[in-house]
């Protein structure tokens, strides 16, 4: 199917659900608000971690050993 209208007007006896964030499938079934919040918090923490690692440059191993 090409767009949301095609999906909404499809002849399917089963309801479908998915959550997509930045082109990545977060869930292919309904999830609770708490589960959704936990998934998104992990995504945000991971992005911050990547920014920190990139800002440290090539000395990441030395930094991790100092922790």
PDB file of N, CA and C in Angstrom:
ATOM      1  N   UNK A   1       0.836  -1.167   0.000  1.00  0.00           N
ATOM      2  CA  UNK A   1       0.000   0.000   0.000  1.00  0.00           C
ATOM      3  C   UNK A   1       0.890   1.243   0.000  1.00  0.00           C
ATOM      4  N   UNK A   2       0.417   2.236  -0.673  1.00  0.00           N
ATOM      5  CA  UNK A   2       1.246   3.406  -0.935  1.00  0.00           C
ATOM      6  C   UNK A   2       1.097   4.529   0.101  1.00  0.00           C
ATOM      7  N   UNK A   3      -0.070   4.662   0.730  1.00  0.00           N
ATOM      8  CA  UNK A   3      -0.269   5.772   1.660  1.00  0.00           C
ATOM      9  C   UNK A   3      -1.263   5.396   2.749  1.00  0.00           C
ATOM     10  N   UNK A   4      -1.467   6.318   3.692  1.00  0.00           N
ATOM     11  CA  UNK A   4      -2.341   6.036   4.841  1.00  0.00           C
ATOM     12  C   UNK A   4      -3.789   5.836   4.415  1.00  0.00           C
ATOM     13  N   UNK A   5      -4.241   6.537   3.382  1.00  0.00           N
ATOM     14  CA  UNK A   5      -5.622   6.351   2.916  1.00  0.00           C
ATOM     15  C   UNK A   5      -5.844   4.937   2.402  1.00  0.00           C
ATOM     16  N   UNK A   6      -4.893   4.405   1.689  1.00  0.00           N
ATOM     17  CA  UNK A   6      -5.016   3.040   1.179  1.00  0.00           C
ATOM     18  C   UNK A   6      -5.096   2.045   2.325  1.00  0.00           C
ATOM     19  N   UNK A   7      -4.311   2.264   3.342  1.00  0.00           N
ATOM     20  CA  UNK A   7      -4.320   1.370   4.501  1.00  0.00           C
ATOM     21  C   UNK A   7      -5.644   1.463   5.237  1.00  0.00           C
ATOM     22  N   UNK A   8      -6.106   2.686   5.475  1.00  0.00           N
ATOM     23  CA  UNK A   8      -7.359   2.875   6.210  1.00  0.00           C
ATOM     24  C   UNK A   8      -8.567   2.317   5.465  1.00  0.00           C
ATOM     25  N   UNK A   9      -8.495   2.289   4.156  1.00  0.00           N
ATOM     26  CA  UNK A   9      -9.619   1.797   3.358  1.00  0.00           C
ATOM     27  C   UNK A   9      -9.446   0.355   2.892  1.00  0.00           C
ATOM     28  N   UNK A  10      -8.438  -0.334   3.410  1.00  0.00           N
ATOM     29  CA  UNK A  10      -8.217  -1.721   2.999  1.00  0.00           C
ATOM     30  C   UNK A  10      -9.269  -2.640   3.598  1.00  0.00           C
ATOM     31  N   UNK A  11      -9.487  -3.750   2.946  1.00  0.00           N
ATOM     32  CA  UNK A  11     -10.471  -4.731   3.402  1.00  0.00           C
ATOM     33  C   UNK A  11      -9.765  -5.768   4.266  1.00  0.00           C
ATOM     34  N   UNK A  12      -9.528  -5.425   5.504  1.00  0.00           N
ATOM     35  CA  UNK A  12      -8.834  -6.319   6.431  1.00  0.00           C
ATOM     36  C   UNK A  12      -9.720  -6.544   7.652  1.00  0.00           C
ATOM     37  N   UNK A  13      -9.908  -7.793   8.019  1.00  0.00           N
ATOM     38  CA  UNK A  13     -10.757  -8.115   9.161  1.00  0.00           C
ATOM     39  C   UNK A  13     -10.062  -7.888  10.497  1.00  0.00           C
ATOM     40  N   UNK A  14      -8.760  -7.707  10.474  1.00  0.00           N
ATOM     41  CA  UNK A  14      -7.982  -7.565  11.689  1.00  0.00           C
ATOM     42  C   UNK A  14      -7.450  -6.143  11.801  1.00  0.00           C
ATOM     43  N   UNK A  15      -7.497  -5.601  13.002  1.00  0.00           N
ATOM     44  CA  UNK A  15      -6.896  -4.298  13.229  1.00  0.00           C
ATOM     45  C   UNK A  15      -5.386  -4.425  13.270  1.00  0.00           C
ATOM     46  N   UNK A  16      -4.705  -3.439  12.782  1.00  0.00           N
ATOM     47  CA  UNK A  16      -3.249  -3.451  12.811  1.00  0.00           C
ATOM     48  C   UNK A  16      -2.752  -2.178  13.481  1.00  0.00           C
ATOM     49  N   UNK A  17      -1.578  -2.267  14.027  1.00  0.00           N
ATOM     50  CA  UNK A  17      -0.999  -1.119  14.706  1.00  0.00           C
ATOM     51  C   UNK A  17       0.510  -1.198  14.595  1.00  0.00           C
ATOM     52  N   UNK A  18       1.136  -0.057  14.439  1.00  0.00           N
ATOM     53  CA  UNK A  18       2.585   0.005  14.505  1.00  0.00           C
ATOM     54  C   UNK A  18       2.981   1.415  14.914  1.00  0.00           C
ATOM     55  N   UNK A  19       4.125   1.496  15.564  1.00  0.00           N
ATOM     56  CA  UNK A  19       4.683   2.780  15.965  1.00  0.00           C
ATOM     57  C   UNK A  19       6.023   2.899  15.274  1.00  0.00           C
ATOM     58  N   UNK A  20       6.179   3.951  14.481  1.00  0.00           N
ATOM     59  CA  UNK A  20       7.408   4.173  13.725  1.00  0.00           C
ATOM     60  C   UNK A  20       7.997   5.505  14.149  1.00  0.00           C
ATOM     61  N   UNK A  21       9.301   5.500  14.459  1.00  0.00           N
ATOM     62  CA  UNK A  21      10.003   6.707  14.884  1.00  0.00           C
ATOM     63  C   UNK A  21      11.284   6.831  14.074  1.00  0.00           C
ATOM     64  N   UNK A  22      11.426   7.926  13.346  1.00  0.00           N
ATOM     65  CA  UNK A  22      12.597   8.159  12.497  1.00  0.00           C
ATOM     66  C   UNK A  22      12.861   6.988  11.552  1.00  0.00           C
ATOM     67  N   UNK A  23      11.799   6.434  10.989  1.00  0.00           N
ATOM     68  CA  UNK A  23      11.938   5.345  10.029  1.00  0.00           C
ATOM     69  C   UNK A  23      12.199   3.981  10.640  1.00  0.00           C
ATOM     70  N   UNK A  24      12.219   3.884  11.960  1.00  0.00           N
ATOM     71  CA  UNK A  24      12.471   2.611  12.638  1.00  0.00           C
ATOM     72  C   UNK A  24      11.184   2.140  13.302  1.00  0.00           C
ATOM     73  N   UNK A  25      10.865   0.862  13.134  1.00  0.00           N
ATOM     74  CA  UNK A  25       9.666   0.308  13.768  1.00  0.00           C
ATOM     75  C   UNK A  25       9.952   0.128  15.258  1.00  0.00           C
ATOM     76  N   UNK A  26       9.186   0.839  16.067  1.00  0.00           N
ATOM     77  CA  UNK A  26       9.331   0.758  17.522  1.00  0.00           C
ATOM     78  C   UNK A  26       8.510  -0.421  18.056  1.00  0.00           C
ATOM     79  N   UNK A  27       7.318  -0.584  17.532  1.00  0.00           N
ATOM     80  CA  UNK A  27       6.463  -1.695  17.941  1.00  0.00           C
ATOM     81  C   UNK A  27       5.533  -2.060  16.794  1.00  0.00           C
ATOM     82  N   UNK A  28       5.262  -3.345  16.651  1.00  0.00           N
ATOM     83  CA  UNK A  28       4.340  -3.804  15.615  1.00  0.00           C
ATOM     84  C   UNK A  28       2.999  -4.227  16.203  1.00  0.00           C
ATOM     85  N   UNK A  29       2.769  -3.890  17.473  1.00  0.00           N
ATOM     86  CA  UNK A  29       1.515  -4.204  18.141  1.00  0.00           C
ATOM     87  C   UNK A  29       1.237  -3.119  19.180  1.00  0.00           C
ATOM     88  N   UNK A  30       0.004  -3.009  19.641  1.00  0.00           N
ATOM     89  CA  UNK A  30      -0.294  -1.985  20.658  1.00  0.00           C
ATOM     90  C   UNK A  30       0.537  -2.206  21.921  1.00  0.00           C
ATOM     91  N   UNK A  31       1.001  -1.116  22.530  1.00  0.00           N
ATOM     92  CA  UNK A  31       1.766  -1.200  23.770  1.00  0.00           C
ATOM     93  C   UNK A  31       1.206  -0.179  24.759  1.00  0.00           C
ATOM     94  N   UNK A  32       1.515  -0.378  26.019  1.00  0.00           N
ATOM     95  CA  UNK A  32       1.016   0.535  27.055  1.00  0.00           C
ATOM     96  C   UNK A  32       1.775   1.855  26.997  1.00  0.00           C
ATOM     97  N   UNK A  33       1.193   2.872  27.624  1.00  0.00           N
ATOM     98  CA  UNK A  33       1.855   4.176  27.692  1.00  0.00           C
ATOM     99  C   UNK A  33       3.209   4.069  28.382  1.00  0.00           C
ATOM    100  N   UNK A  34       3.273   3.286  29.446  1.00  0.00           N
ATOM    101  CA  UNK A  34       4.523   3.129  30.193  1.00  0.00           C
ATOM    102  C   UNK A  34       5.588   2.487  29.326  1.00  0.00           C
ATOM    103  N   UNK A  35       5.226   1.447  28.603  1.00  0.00           N
ATOM    104  CA  UNK A  35       6.190   0.778  27.715  1.00  0.00           C
ATOM    105  C   UNK A  35       6.681   1.744  26.635  1.00  0.00           C
ATOM    106  N   UNK A  36       5.752   2.518  26.065  1.00  0.00           N
ATOM    107  CA  UNK A  36       6.128   3.492  25.049  1.00  0.00           C
ATOM    108  C   UNK A  36       7.103   4.519  25.617  1.00  0.00           C
ATOM    109  N   UNK A  37       6.806   5.037  26.804  1.00  0.00           N
ATOM    110  CA  UNK A  37       7.696   6.018  27.431  1.00  0.00           C
ATOM    111  C   UNK A  37       9.075   5.432  27.695  1.00  0.00           C
ATOM    112  N   UNK A  38       9.133   4.186  28.153  1.00  0.00           N
ATOM    113  CA  UNK A  38      10.427   3.547  28.407  1.00  0.00           C
ATOM    114  C   UNK A  38      11.232   3.370  27.122  1.00  0.00           C
ATOM    115  N   UNK A  39      10.575   2.978  26.048  1.00  0.00           N
ATOM    116  CA  UNK A  39      11.265   2.812  24.766  1.00  0.00           C
ATOM    117  C   UNK A  39      11.821   4.146  24.296  1.00  0.00           C
ATOM    118  N   UNK A  40      11.023   5.202  24.384  1.00  0.00           N
ATOM    119  CA  UNK A  40      11.460   6.508  23.905  1.00  0.00           C
ATOM    120  C   UNK A  40      12.579   7.071  24.782  1.00  0.00           C
ATOM    121  N   UNK A  41      12.532   6.826  26.087  1.00  0.00           N
ATOM    122  CA  UNK A  41      13.619   7.269  26.966  1.00  0.00           C
ATOM    123  C   UNK A  41      14.930   6.602  26.573  1.00  0.00           C
ATOM    124  N   UNK A  42      14.880   5.310  26.250  1.00  0.00           N
ATOM    125  CA  UNK A  42      16.089   4.604  25.813  1.00  0.00           C
ATOM    126  C   UNK A  42      16.619   5.194  24.512  1.00  0.00           C
ATOM    127  N   UNK A  43      15.708   5.534  23.601  1.00  0.00           N
ATOM    128  CA  UNK A  43      16.123   6.136  22.324  1.00  0.00           C
ATOM    129  C   UNK A  43      16.824   7.471  22.568  1.00  0.00           C
ATOM    130  N   UNK A  44      16.267   8.281  23.466  1.00  0.00           N
ATOM    131  CA  UNK A  44      16.850   9.591  23.760  1.00  0.00           C
ATOM    132  C   UNK A  44      18.201   9.433  24.448  1.00  0.00           C
ATOM    133  N   UNK A  45      18.289   8.533  25.418  1.00  0.00           N
ATOM    134  CA  UNK A  45      19.558   8.297  26.123  1.00  0.00           C
ATOM    135  C   UNK A  45      20.614   7.807  25.141  1.00  0.00           C
ATOM    136  N   UNK A  46      20.241   6.920  24.231  1.00  0.00           N
ATOM    137  CA  UNK A  46      21.183   6.400  23.247  1.00  0.00           C
ATOM    138  C   UNK A  46      21.705   7.522  22.348  1.00  0.00           C
ATOM    139  N   UNK A  47      20.816   8.423  21.926  1.00  0.00           N
ATOM    140  CA  UNK A  47      21.246   9.544  21.078  1.00  0.00           C
ATOM    141  C   UNK A  47      22.194  10.462  21.832  1.00  0.00           C
ATOM    142  N   UNK A  48      21.916  10.726  23.106  1.00  0.00           N
ATOM    143  CA  UNK A  48      22.801  11.572  23.902  1.00  0.00           C
ATOM    144  C   UNK A  48      24.153  10.892  24.063  1.00  0.00           C
ATOM    145  N   UNK A  49      24.153   9.591  24.296  1.00  0.00           N
ATOM    146  CA  UNK A  49      25.400   8.843  24.432  1.00  0.00           C
ATOM    147  C   UNK A  49      26.235   8.933  23.155  1.00  0.00           C
ATOM    148  N   UNK A  50      25.593   8.819  22.017  1.00  0.00           N
ATOM    149  CA  UNK A  50      26.313   8.925  20.743  1.00  0.00           C
ATOM    150  C   UNK A  50      26.941  10.310  20.610  1.00  0.00           C
ATOM    151  N   UNK A  51      26.201  11.350  20.976  1.00  0.00           N
ATOM    152  CA  UNK A  51      26.735  12.715  20.899  1.00  0.00           C
ATOM    153  C   UNK A  51      27.947  12.860  21.807  1.00  0.00           C
ATOM    154  N   UNK A  52      27.867  12.308  23.022  1.00  0.00           N
ATOM    155  CA  UNK A  52      28.989  12.384  23.961  1.00  0.00           C
ATOM    156  C   UNK A  52      30.197  11.653  23.394  1.00  0.00           C
ATOM    157  N   UNK A  53      29.981  10.460  22.863  1.00  0.00           N
ATOM    158  CA  UNK A  53      31.081   9.668  22.305  1.00  0.00           C
ATOM    159  C   UNK A  53      31.728  10.414  21.143  1.00  0.00           C
ATOM    160  N   UNK A  54      30.925  10.982  20.274  1.00  0.00           N
ATOM    161  CA  UNK A  54      31.473  11.709  19.131  1.00  0.00           C
ATOM    162  C   UNK A  54      32.235  12.954  19.571  1.00  0.00           C
ATOM    163  N   UNK A  55      31.778  13.586  20.637  1.00  0.00           N
ATOM    164  CA  UNK A  55      32.463  14.788  21.098  1.00  0.00           C
ATOM    165  C   UNK A  55      33.802  14.454  21.760  1.00  0.00           C
ATOM    166  N   UNK A  56      33.964  13.221  22.252  1.00  0.00           N
ATOM    167  CA  UNK A  56      35.221  12.830  22.885  1.00  0.00           C
ATOM    168  C   UNK A  56      36.298  12.510  21.848  1.00  0.00           C
ATOM    169  N   UNK A  57      35.876  12.272  20.636  1.00  0.00           N
ATOM    170  CA  UNK A  57      36.850  11.977  19.580  1.00  0.00           C
ATOM    171  C   UNK A  57      37.383  10.564  19.691  1.00  0.00           C
ATOM    172  N   UNK A  58      38.649  10.397  19.373  1.00  0.00           N
ATOM    173  CA  UNK A  58      39.235   9.060  19.290  1.00  0.00           C
ATOM    174  C   UNK A  58      39.667   8.507  20.646  1.00  0.00           C
ATOM    175  N   UNK A  59      39.641   9.308  21.701  1.00  0.00           N
ATOM    176  CA  UNK A  59      40.101   8.853  23.002  1.00  0.00           C
ATOM    177  C   UNK A  59      38.990   8.253  23.855  1.00  0.00           C
ATOM    178  N   UNK A  60      37.999   7.641  23.243  1.00  0.00           N
ATOM    179  CA  UNK A  60      36.873   7.062  23.990  1.00  0.00           C
ATOM    180  C   UNK A  60      37.304   5.915  24.861  1.00  0.00           C
ATOM    181  N   UNK A  61      38.257   5.104  24.408  1.00  0.00           N
ATOM    182  CA  UNK A  61      38.716   3.968  25.205  1.00  0.00           C
ATOM    183  C   UNK A  61      39.364   4.471  26.485  1.00  0.00           C
ATOM    184  N   UNK A  62      40.203   5.476  26.389  1.00  0.00           N
ATOM    185  CA  UNK A  62      40.829   6.048  27.579  1.00  0.00           C
ATOM    186  C   UNK A  62      39.811   6.631  28.543  1.00  0.00           C
ATOM    187  N   UNK A  63      38.792   7.274  27.983  1.00  0.00           N
ATOM    188  CA  UNK A  63      37.740   7.839  28.830  1.00  0.00           C
ATOM    189  C   UNK A  63      36.995   6.743  29.552  1.00  0.00           C
ATOM    190  N   UNK A  64      36.617   5.679  28.857  1.00  0.00           N
ATOM    191  CA  UNK A  64      35.878   4.591  29.484  1.00  0.00           C
ATOM    192  C   UNK A  64      36.702   3.885  30.550  1.00  0.00           C
ATOM    193  N   UNK A  65      37.986   3.769  30.343  1.00  0.00           N
ATOM    194  CA  UNK A  65      38.845   3.149  31.355  1.00  0.00           C
ATOM    195  C   UNK A  65      38.946   4.005  32.593  1.00  0.00           C
ATOM    196  N   UNK A  66      38.817   5.328  32.458  1.00  0.00           N
ATOM    197  CA  UNK A  66      38.926   6.212  33.610  1.00  0.00           C
ATOM    198  C   UNK A  66      37.674   6.230  34.471  1.00  0.00           C
ATOM    199  N   UNK A  67      36.585   5.663  33.981  1.00  0.00           N
ATOM    200  CA  UNK A  67      35.333   5.682  34.746  1.00  0.00           C
ATOM    201  C   UNK A  67      35.342   4.744  35.921  1.00  0.00           C
TER     202      UNK A  67
END
